[in-house]
Protein backbone atom coordinates (compact mmCIF):
# COMPACT_ATOMS: atom_id res chain seq x y z
CA MET A 1 158.45 138.50 114.40
CA SER A 2 158.40 140.89 111.50
CA GLN A 3 155.07 141.80 109.69
CA THR A 4 156.63 140.31 106.34
CA ALA A 5 157.57 136.97 108.00
CA SER A 6 154.04 136.72 109.62
CA SER A 7 152.35 137.32 106.21
CA THR A 8 154.62 134.51 104.68
CA THR A 9 153.65 132.16 107.46
CA ARG A 10 150.05 132.80 106.99
CA ARG A 11 150.36 132.31 103.23
CA LYS A 12 152.06 128.98 103.60
CA ALA A 13 149.36 127.73 106.16
CA THR A 14 146.55 128.85 103.67
CA THR A 15 148.23 127.16 100.94
CA ALA A 16 148.70 123.90 102.89
CA ALA A 17 145.02 124.04 104.02
CA LYS A 18 143.89 124.27 100.38
CA LYS A 19 145.99 121.32 99.31
CA ALA A 20 144.57 119.28 102.18
CA THR A 21 141.02 119.96 101.20
CA LYS A 22 141.72 119.30 97.59
CA ALA A 23 143.16 115.92 98.35
CA THR A 24 140.10 115.02 100.53
CA LYS A 25 137.80 116.00 97.75
CA THR A 26 139.75 114.03 95.24
CA ALA A 27 139.70 110.90 97.55
CA VAL A 28 135.83 111.16 98.01
CA LYS A 29 135.32 111.52 94.34
CA ASN A 30 137.37 108.44 93.50
CA THR A 31 135.66 106.46 96.07
CA ALA A 32 132.28 107.54 94.67
CA LYS A 33 133.32 106.31 91.14
CA THR A 34 134.41 102.88 92.31
CA ALA A 35 131.58 102.07 94.68
CA PRO A 36 128.69 100.12 93.26
CA LYS A 37 125.77 102.05 92.26
CA THR A 38 122.06 101.09 93.07
CA PRO A 39 119.32 102.73 90.88
CA GLN A 40 117.15 105.07 92.92
CA GLY A 41 113.94 103.63 94.23
CA LYS A 42 115.24 100.12 93.76
CA LYS A 43 116.86 97.61 96.39
CA SER A 44 119.11 94.91 95.21
CA MET A 45 117.51 91.57 95.83
CA PRO A 46 119.53 88.84 97.62
CA ALA A 47 120.77 86.08 95.35
CA ALA A 48 118.92 83.31 97.40
CA ALA A 49 115.65 85.36 96.83
CA VAL A 50 115.87 85.12 93.09
CA GLY A 51 115.60 81.33 92.99
CA GLN A 52 116.33 78.78 90.10
CA ASP A 53 113.89 78.05 87.47
CA ALA A 54 111.74 75.15 88.84
CA ILE A 55 111.83 73.09 85.76
CA THR A 56 115.58 73.50 85.37
CA MET A 57 115.92 72.46 88.95
CA LEU A 58 114.01 69.22 88.55
CA LYS A 59 115.86 68.46 85.36
CA ASP A 60 119.18 68.95 87.22
CA ASP A 61 117.86 66.44 89.98
CA HIS A 62 117.12 64.00 87.15
CA LYS A 63 120.70 64.22 85.81
CA VAL A 64 121.94 63.69 89.38
CA VAL A 65 119.99 60.38 89.82
CA GLU A 66 120.86 59.16 86.30
CA LYS A 67 124.56 59.68 87.28
CA LEU A 68 123.96 57.53 90.23
CA PHE A 69 122.20 54.81 88.06
CA LYS A 70 125.15 54.73 85.55
CA GLU A 71 127.51 54.25 88.64
CA PHE A 72 125.58 51.42 89.86
CA GLU A 73 125.45 49.60 86.47
CA LYS A 74 129.13 50.05 86.11
CA ALA A 75 129.87 48.67 89.68
CA GLY A 76 131.01 45.05 89.81
CA ASP A 77 128.75 42.08 90.85
CA ALA A 78 130.50 41.67 94.15
CA ALA A 79 130.88 45.45 94.85
CA TYR A 80 128.34 45.15 97.59
CA ALA A 81 129.44 48.07 99.74
CA LYS A 82 129.70 50.54 96.83
CA LYS A 83 126.29 49.48 95.56
CA ARG A 84 124.74 49.77 99.00
CA LYS A 85 126.05 53.40 99.22
CA ILE A 86 124.90 54.32 95.66
CA VAL A 87 121.41 53.01 96.36
CA ASP A 88 121.25 54.80 99.58
CA GLN A 89 122.00 58.02 97.81
CA VAL A 90 119.41 57.36 95.10
CA ILE A 91 116.80 56.78 97.89
CA ALA A 92 117.58 60.16 99.50
CA GLU A 93 117.72 61.96 96.33
CA LEU A 94 114.50 60.55 94.83
CA THR A 95 112.61 60.83 98.20
CA THR A 96 113.53 64.58 98.27
CA HIS A 97 112.76 65.08 94.55
CA ALA A 98 109.36 63.28 94.90
CA TYR A 99 108.52 65.54 97.81
CA ILE A 100 109.01 68.90 96.34
CA GLU A 101 107.23 67.75 93.14
CA GLU A 102 104.21 66.53 95.03
CA SER A 103 103.94 69.30 97.49
CA LEU A 104 104.81 72.33 95.21
CA PHE A 105 105.60 71.64 91.51
CA TYR A 106 102.64 69.43 90.55
CA PRO A 107 99.85 71.49 92.18
CA THR A 108 101.30 74.72 90.56
CA ALA A 109 101.68 73.13 87.16
CA ARG A 110 98.16 71.58 87.10
CA LYS A 111 96.72 75.03 87.91
CA ALA A 112 98.72 76.97 85.52
CA ALA A 113 98.36 74.27 82.63
CA PRO A 114 95.03 72.34 83.22
CA GLU A 115 95.80 70.34 80.26
CA THR A 116 98.55 68.66 82.30
CA GLY A 117 96.16 67.35 84.78
CA GLU A 118 96.11 63.88 83.46
CA HIS A 119 99.91 63.74 83.34
CA VAL A 120 100.34 64.92 86.88
CA LEU A 121 97.96 62.15 88.12
CA GLU A 122 99.93 59.58 86.24
CA SER A 123 103.18 60.96 87.72
CA VAL A 124 101.87 60.83 91.25
CA GLU A 125 100.91 57.15 90.70
CA GLU A 126 104.40 56.41 89.39
CA HIS A 127 105.83 58.08 92.51
CA HIS A 128 103.52 55.66 94.46
CA VAL A 129 105.28 52.62 92.81
CA VAL A 130 108.85 54.03 93.16
CA ALA A 131 108.29 54.93 96.82
CA TRP A 132 107.46 51.29 97.77
CA MET A 133 110.36 50.17 95.55
CA LEU A 134 112.69 52.48 97.33
CA ASN A 135 111.58 51.19 100.72
CA GLU A 136 112.14 47.60 99.56
CA LEU A 137 115.63 48.53 98.43
CA LYS A 138 116.30 50.23 101.75
CA ASN A 139 115.56 47.00 103.59
CA THR A 140 117.26 44.57 101.24
CA ASP A 141 120.85 43.33 101.65
CA PRO A 142 122.93 44.08 98.74
CA ARG A 143 124.05 40.42 98.74
CA ASP A 144 120.62 39.25 98.26
CA GLU A 145 120.04 38.12 94.80
CA ARG A 146 116.88 40.23 94.40
CA PHE A 147 118.80 43.38 95.12
CA ASP A 148 120.20 43.99 91.66
CA ALA A 149 116.93 43.00 90.11
CA LYS A 150 114.88 45.32 92.26
CA MET A 151 117.37 48.12 91.33
CA THR A 152 117.06 47.46 87.64
CA VAL A 153 113.35 47.66 87.82
CA LEU A 154 113.56 50.84 89.76
CA MET A 155 115.83 52.37 87.12
CA GLU A 156 113.55 51.39 84.22
CA ASN A 157 110.57 53.07 86.08
CA VAL A 158 112.23 56.18 86.77
CA ARG A 159 113.79 56.61 83.47
CA HIS A 160 110.38 56.19 81.86
CA HIS A 161 108.93 58.81 84.32
CA VAL A 162 111.84 61.27 83.60
CA LYS A 163 111.15 60.83 79.87
CA GLU A 164 107.40 61.57 80.16
CA GLU A 165 108.02 64.51 82.45
CA GLU A 166 110.64 66.22 80.38
CA GLN A 167 109.35 65.57 76.95
CA GLU A 168 105.56 65.45 77.11
CA TRP A 169 104.43 67.98 79.85
CA PHE A 170 107.28 69.99 81.18
CA PRO A 171 107.18 72.08 77.90
CA GLU A 172 103.57 72.80 78.42
CA VAL A 173 104.18 74.17 81.89
CA ARG A 174 107.02 76.42 80.76
CA LYS A 175 104.62 77.81 78.04
CA ALA A 176 102.08 78.52 80.62
CA MET A 177 104.24 80.07 83.42
CA SER A 178 106.26 83.21 83.09
CA ARG A 179 109.94 83.04 83.82
CA GLY A 180 109.60 84.95 87.09
CA ASP A 181 106.94 82.64 88.26
CA LEU A 182 109.06 79.61 87.64
CA LYS A 183 112.01 81.10 89.41
CA GLU A 184 109.77 82.04 92.31
CA LEU A 185 108.62 78.59 92.46
CA GLY A 186 112.15 77.19 92.12
CA ALA A 187 112.96 79.29 95.41
CA LYS A 188 110.13 77.73 97.27
CA MET A 189 111.12 74.28 96.18
CA GLU A 190 114.71 74.76 97.13
CA ALA A 191 113.66 75.86 100.54
CA ALA A 192 111.23 72.92 100.91
CA LYS A 193 114.08 70.39 100.28
CA SER A 194 115.17 70.70 103.93
CA LYS A 195 111.67 69.53 105.03
CA ALA A 196 111.67 66.34 102.86
CA PRO A 197 111.25 63.16 104.70
CA SER A 198 114.03 60.60 104.86
CA ASP A 199 111.54 57.59 104.61
CA PRO A 200 110.07 57.14 101.18
CA LEU A 201 106.83 55.78 102.70
CA SER A 202 106.24 59.26 104.29
CA LEU A 203 105.51 60.73 100.81
CA SER A 204 101.94 61.55 100.06
CA SER A 205 101.92 59.47 97.05
CA ALA A 206 103.06 56.33 98.95
CA LYS A 207 99.90 56.59 101.02
CA ALA A 208 97.44 57.06 98.13
């Protein structure tokens, strides 16, 4: 091979290598632009660790139960199977709700806002009544003439309870606790739901 041909071959090889290197750098640069950035010194927090606002969580639970109440009220007199199913859902929802309130929310709220102490005590007593009513509904046949009457009284008690909580003392707790503390408490309450008993009489308020 002549010296000229050899020089030409080397130049082509060098040019190709430079193009390949440039293409690699461009690809790396584009990847860096599109990749999500995390501020130095900070680690992204898992979504589950952030938690939901504790008061918002309880209000959402209230809405779920109220929806079930309305479904029961709209069910026909002879819709025994449907009403049995609704009542069983209400029992599960209210038992879990009462559990996270009694074990976590009430003690924390009372400590953060001491002026709510009397409201908390009243709420626990209202839970006591509701727990025993839930137990009776659990063991009453929907064809029993007392079934609808028991459910009506339960709904009246729970609606009164919800109104007092949401209007009279939840606002005081929100003022006393920071958003971060409420979200941290909400995360603990969410995790505690899996530990809630299925039997209403297993609630601490039922034994008081």
